Amino acid sequence: MPSRGNTQLDGQVRESLPNTMFRVALSDGRLILATPLGKLRRSFVRILPGDRVRVEFTKYDRDRGRIIQKYQK
């Protein structure tokens, strides 16, 4: 369930960066920086380049987001 005021978009991981950061290409064509949600970190979910993910944004910063879900291939 998204928090109030947050938007969600689908994207594809393009690049894996240090400190669990990822470069994600969104469905609307933007390239952003995203980090996994804490629940995904604790569950040791592996996110690799090429994976499809869902990203959540706050209304204040549209260039950074949280990966909230990894889709199955």
N, C-alpha and C. Protein backbone atom coordinates (compact mmCIF):
# COMPACT_ATOMS: atom_id res chain seq x y z
N MET A 1 0.84 -1.17 0.00
CA MET A 1 0.00 0.00 0.00
C MET A 1 0.89 1.23 0.00
N PRO A 2 0.76 2.11 -1.00
CA PRO A 2 1.62 3.29 -1.04
C PRO A 2 1.26 4.29 0.05
N SER A 3 2.26 4.98 0.53
CA SER A 3 2.03 6.02 1.51
C SER A 3 1.32 7.19 0.85
N ARG A 4 0.72 8.03 1.64
CA ARG A 4 -0.02 9.16 1.09
C ARG A 4 0.93 10.13 0.39
N GLY A 5 0.62 10.48 -0.86
CA GLY A 5 1.44 11.42 -1.61
C GLY A 5 2.57 10.80 -2.38
N ASN A 6 2.80 9.49 -2.24
CA ASN A 6 3.88 8.83 -2.98
C ASN A 6 3.33 8.23 -4.26
N THR A 7 4.15 8.26 -5.30
CA THR A 7 3.76 7.67 -6.58
C THR A 7 4.64 6.47 -6.87
N GLN A 8 4.12 5.55 -7.67
CA GLN A 8 4.85 4.34 -8.01
C GLN A 8 4.91 4.20 -9.52
N LEU A 9 6.07 3.76 -10.02
CA LEU A 9 6.27 3.50 -11.44
C LEU A 9 7.07 2.22 -11.60
N ASP A 10 6.90 1.58 -12.75
CA ASP A 10 7.68 0.40 -13.08
C ASP A 10 8.94 0.80 -13.83
N GLY A 11 9.98 0.00 -13.71
CA GLY A 11 11.22 0.30 -14.40
C GLY A 11 12.08 -0.94 -14.53
N GLN A 12 13.26 -0.73 -15.11
CA GLN A 12 14.21 -1.82 -15.29
C GLN A 12 15.57 -1.37 -14.79
N VAL A 13 16.22 -2.24 -14.01
CA VAL A 13 17.53 -1.93 -13.45
C VAL A 13 18.55 -1.92 -14.58
N ARG A 14 19.28 -0.83 -14.72
CA ARG A 14 20.29 -0.71 -15.77
C ARG A 14 21.69 -0.98 -15.25
N GLU A 15 21.96 -0.54 -14.01
CA GLU A 15 23.33 -0.61 -13.49
C GLU A 15 23.29 -0.79 -11.98
N SER A 16 24.20 -1.59 -11.47
CA SER A 16 24.35 -1.79 -10.04
C SER A 16 25.52 -0.92 -9.57
N LEU A 17 25.29 -0.11 -8.54
CA LEU A 17 26.29 0.81 -8.02
C LEU A 17 26.67 0.41 -6.60
N PRO A 18 27.75 0.98 -6.05
CA PRO A 18 28.14 0.66 -4.67
C PRO A 18 27.08 1.08 -3.65
N ASN A 19 27.14 0.50 -2.46
CA ASN A 19 26.26 0.82 -1.34
C ASN A 19 24.80 0.55 -1.65
N THR A 20 24.52 -0.54 -2.30
CA THR A 20 23.17 -0.99 -2.66
C THR A 20 22.35 0.08 -3.37
N MET A 21 22.99 0.79 -4.26
CA MET A 21 22.29 1.77 -5.10
C MET A 21 22.18 1.20 -6.51
N PHE A 22 21.14 1.58 -7.21
CA PHE A 22 20.89 1.08 -8.55
C PHE A 22 20.47 2.22 -9.46
N ARG A 23 20.89 2.16 -10.72
CA ARG A 23 20.44 3.09 -11.75
C ARG A 23 19.27 2.39 -12.44
N VAL A 24 18.09 3.03 -12.41
CA VAL A 24 16.87 2.41 -12.92
C VAL A 24 16.29 3.27 -14.04
N ALA A 25 15.96 2.63 -15.17
CA ALA A 25 15.27 3.31 -16.27
C ALA A 25 13.78 3.08 -16.08
N LEU A 26 13.03 4.17 -15.93
CA LEU A 26 11.60 4.07 -15.67
C LEU A 26 10.81 3.91 -16.96
N SER A 27 9.55 3.55 -16.82
CA SER A 27 8.69 3.35 -17.98
C SER A 27 8.39 4.65 -18.72
N ASP A 28 8.55 5.79 -18.03
CA ASP A 28 8.31 7.08 -18.70
C ASP A 28 9.58 7.66 -19.33
N GLY A 29 10.69 6.91 -19.30
CA GLY A 29 11.91 7.31 -19.98
C GLY A 29 12.97 7.96 -19.10
N ARG A 30 12.66 8.25 -17.84
CA ARG A 30 13.64 8.87 -16.96
C ARG A 30 14.62 7.84 -16.42
N LEU A 31 15.83 8.29 -16.08
CA LEU A 31 16.86 7.47 -15.46
C LEU A 31 17.08 8.01 -14.06
N ILE A 32 16.86 7.16 -13.04
CA ILE A 32 16.93 7.63 -11.66
C ILE A 32 17.86 6.76 -10.83
N LEU A 33 18.10 7.19 -9.61
CA LEU A 33 18.89 6.47 -8.64
C LEU A 33 17.93 5.89 -7.60
N ALA A 34 18.06 4.59 -7.31
CA ALA A 34 17.13 3.95 -6.37
C ALA A 34 17.88 3.02 -5.44
N THR A 35 17.29 2.83 -4.26
CA THR A 35 17.83 1.93 -3.25
C THR A 35 16.72 0.98 -2.82
N PRO A 36 17.02 -0.26 -2.43
CA PRO A 36 15.96 -1.19 -2.03
C PRO A 36 15.31 -0.80 -0.70
N LEU A 37 14.08 -1.15 -0.55
CA LEU A 37 13.34 -0.98 0.68
C LEU A 37 13.98 -1.86 1.75
N GLY A 38 13.88 -1.49 3.01
CA GLY A 38 14.50 -2.24 4.09
C GLY A 38 14.06 -3.69 4.15
N LYS A 39 12.78 -3.94 3.82
CA LYS A 39 12.26 -5.31 3.83
C LYS A 39 12.98 -6.18 2.80
N LEU A 40 13.32 -5.60 1.65
CA LEU A 40 14.05 -6.36 0.63
C LEU A 40 15.48 -6.63 1.06
N ARG A 41 16.09 -5.68 1.76
CA ARG A 41 17.46 -5.88 2.26
C ARG A 41 17.51 -6.99 3.29
N ARG A 42 16.56 -6.99 4.23
CA ARG A 42 16.54 -8.00 5.28
C ARG A 42 16.27 -9.40 4.73
N SER A 43 15.52 -9.47 3.63
CA SER A 43 15.19 -10.76 3.02
C SER A 43 16.26 -11.23 2.05
N PHE A 44 17.31 -10.45 1.88
CA PHE A 44 18.43 -10.78 0.97
C PHE A 44 17.94 -11.02 -0.45
N VAL A 45 17.02 -10.17 -0.93
CA VAL A 45 16.54 -10.27 -2.30
C VAL A 45 17.63 -9.73 -3.21
N ARG A 46 18.04 -10.53 -4.18
CA ARG A 46 19.09 -10.11 -5.11
C ARG A 46 18.47 -9.33 -6.25
N ILE A 47 19.03 -8.16 -6.51
CA ILE A 47 18.59 -7.32 -7.62
C ILE A 47 19.77 -7.17 -8.56
N LEU A 48 19.57 -7.58 -9.80
CA LEU A 48 20.64 -7.56 -10.79
C LEU A 48 20.23 -6.69 -11.98
N PRO A 49 21.22 -6.21 -12.75
CA PRO A 49 20.88 -5.45 -13.96
C PRO A 49 20.01 -6.30 -14.89
N GLY A 50 18.96 -5.66 -15.42
CA GLY A 50 18.01 -6.35 -16.28
C GLY A 50 16.72 -6.73 -15.58
N ASP A 51 16.69 -6.69 -14.24
CA ASP A 51 15.49 -7.05 -13.48
C ASP A 51 14.44 -5.94 -13.60
N ARG A 52 13.17 -6.36 -13.66
CA ARG A 52 12.06 -5.41 -13.65
C ARG A 52 11.67 -5.15 -12.20
N VAL A 53 11.48 -3.88 -11.84
CA VAL A 53 11.18 -3.50 -10.47
C VAL A 53 10.08 -2.44 -10.44
N ARG A 54 9.49 -2.26 -9.26
CA ARG A 54 8.54 -1.18 -9.01
C ARG A 54 9.24 -0.20 -8.07
N VAL A 55 9.18 1.09 -8.40
CA VAL A 55 9.89 2.12 -7.65
C VAL A 55 8.87 3.11 -7.10
N GLU A 56 9.08 3.54 -5.85
CA GLU A 56 8.20 4.50 -5.19
C GLU A 56 8.96 5.81 -4.99
N PHE A 57 8.27 6.93 -5.22
CA PHE A 57 8.86 8.27 -5.07
C PHE A 57 8.06 9.09 -4.09
N THR A 58 8.74 10.03 -3.45
CA THR A 58 8.02 11.05 -2.70
C THR A 58 7.73 12.20 -3.65
N LYS A 59 6.88 13.09 -3.23
CA LYS A 59 6.55 14.23 -4.08
C LYS A 59 7.64 15.29 -4.07
N TYR A 60 8.63 15.14 -3.20
CA TYR A 60 9.67 16.14 -3.07
C TYR A 60 10.88 15.89 -3.96
N ASP A 61 11.22 14.62 -4.20
CA ASP A 61 12.42 14.32 -4.99
C ASP A 61 12.09 13.24 -6.01
N ARG A 62 12.02 13.62 -7.28
CA ARG A 62 11.68 12.68 -8.35
C ARG A 62 12.90 12.04 -8.99
N ASP A 63 14.11 12.36 -8.50
CA ASP A 63 15.34 11.79 -9.05
C ASP A 63 15.86 10.62 -8.23
N ARG A 64 15.27 10.38 -7.06
CA ARG A 64 15.65 9.27 -6.20
C ARG A 64 14.40 8.53 -5.78
N GLY A 65 14.55 7.21 -5.59
CA GLY A 65 13.39 6.43 -5.20
C GLY A 65 13.78 5.20 -4.41
N ARG A 66 12.76 4.45 -4.01
CA ARG A 66 12.94 3.19 -3.28
C ARG A 66 12.38 2.06 -4.13
N ILE A 67 13.15 1.00 -4.26
CA ILE A 67 12.65 -0.19 -4.95
C ILE A 67 11.79 -0.95 -3.95
N ILE A 68 10.50 -1.06 -4.25
CA ILE A 68 9.59 -1.70 -3.30
C ILE A 68 9.19 -3.10 -3.72
N GLN A 69 9.46 -3.48 -4.98
CA GLN A 69 9.10 -4.81 -5.44
C GLN A 69 9.95 -5.21 -6.60
N LYS A 70 10.34 -6.48 -6.63
CA LYS A 70 11.04 -7.06 -7.77
C LYS A 70 10.10 -8.05 -8.43
N TYR A 71 9.89 -7.89 -9.72
CA TYR A 71 8.98 -8.78 -10.46
C TYR A 71 9.68 -10.07 -10.80
N GLN A 72 8.92 -11.15 -10.87
CA GLN A 72 9.45 -12.44 -11.28
C GLN A 72 9.69 -12.44 -12.78
N LYS A 73 10.69 -13.17 -13.23
CA LYS A 73 11.00 -13.23 -14.67
C LYS A 73 10.10 -14.19 -15.37
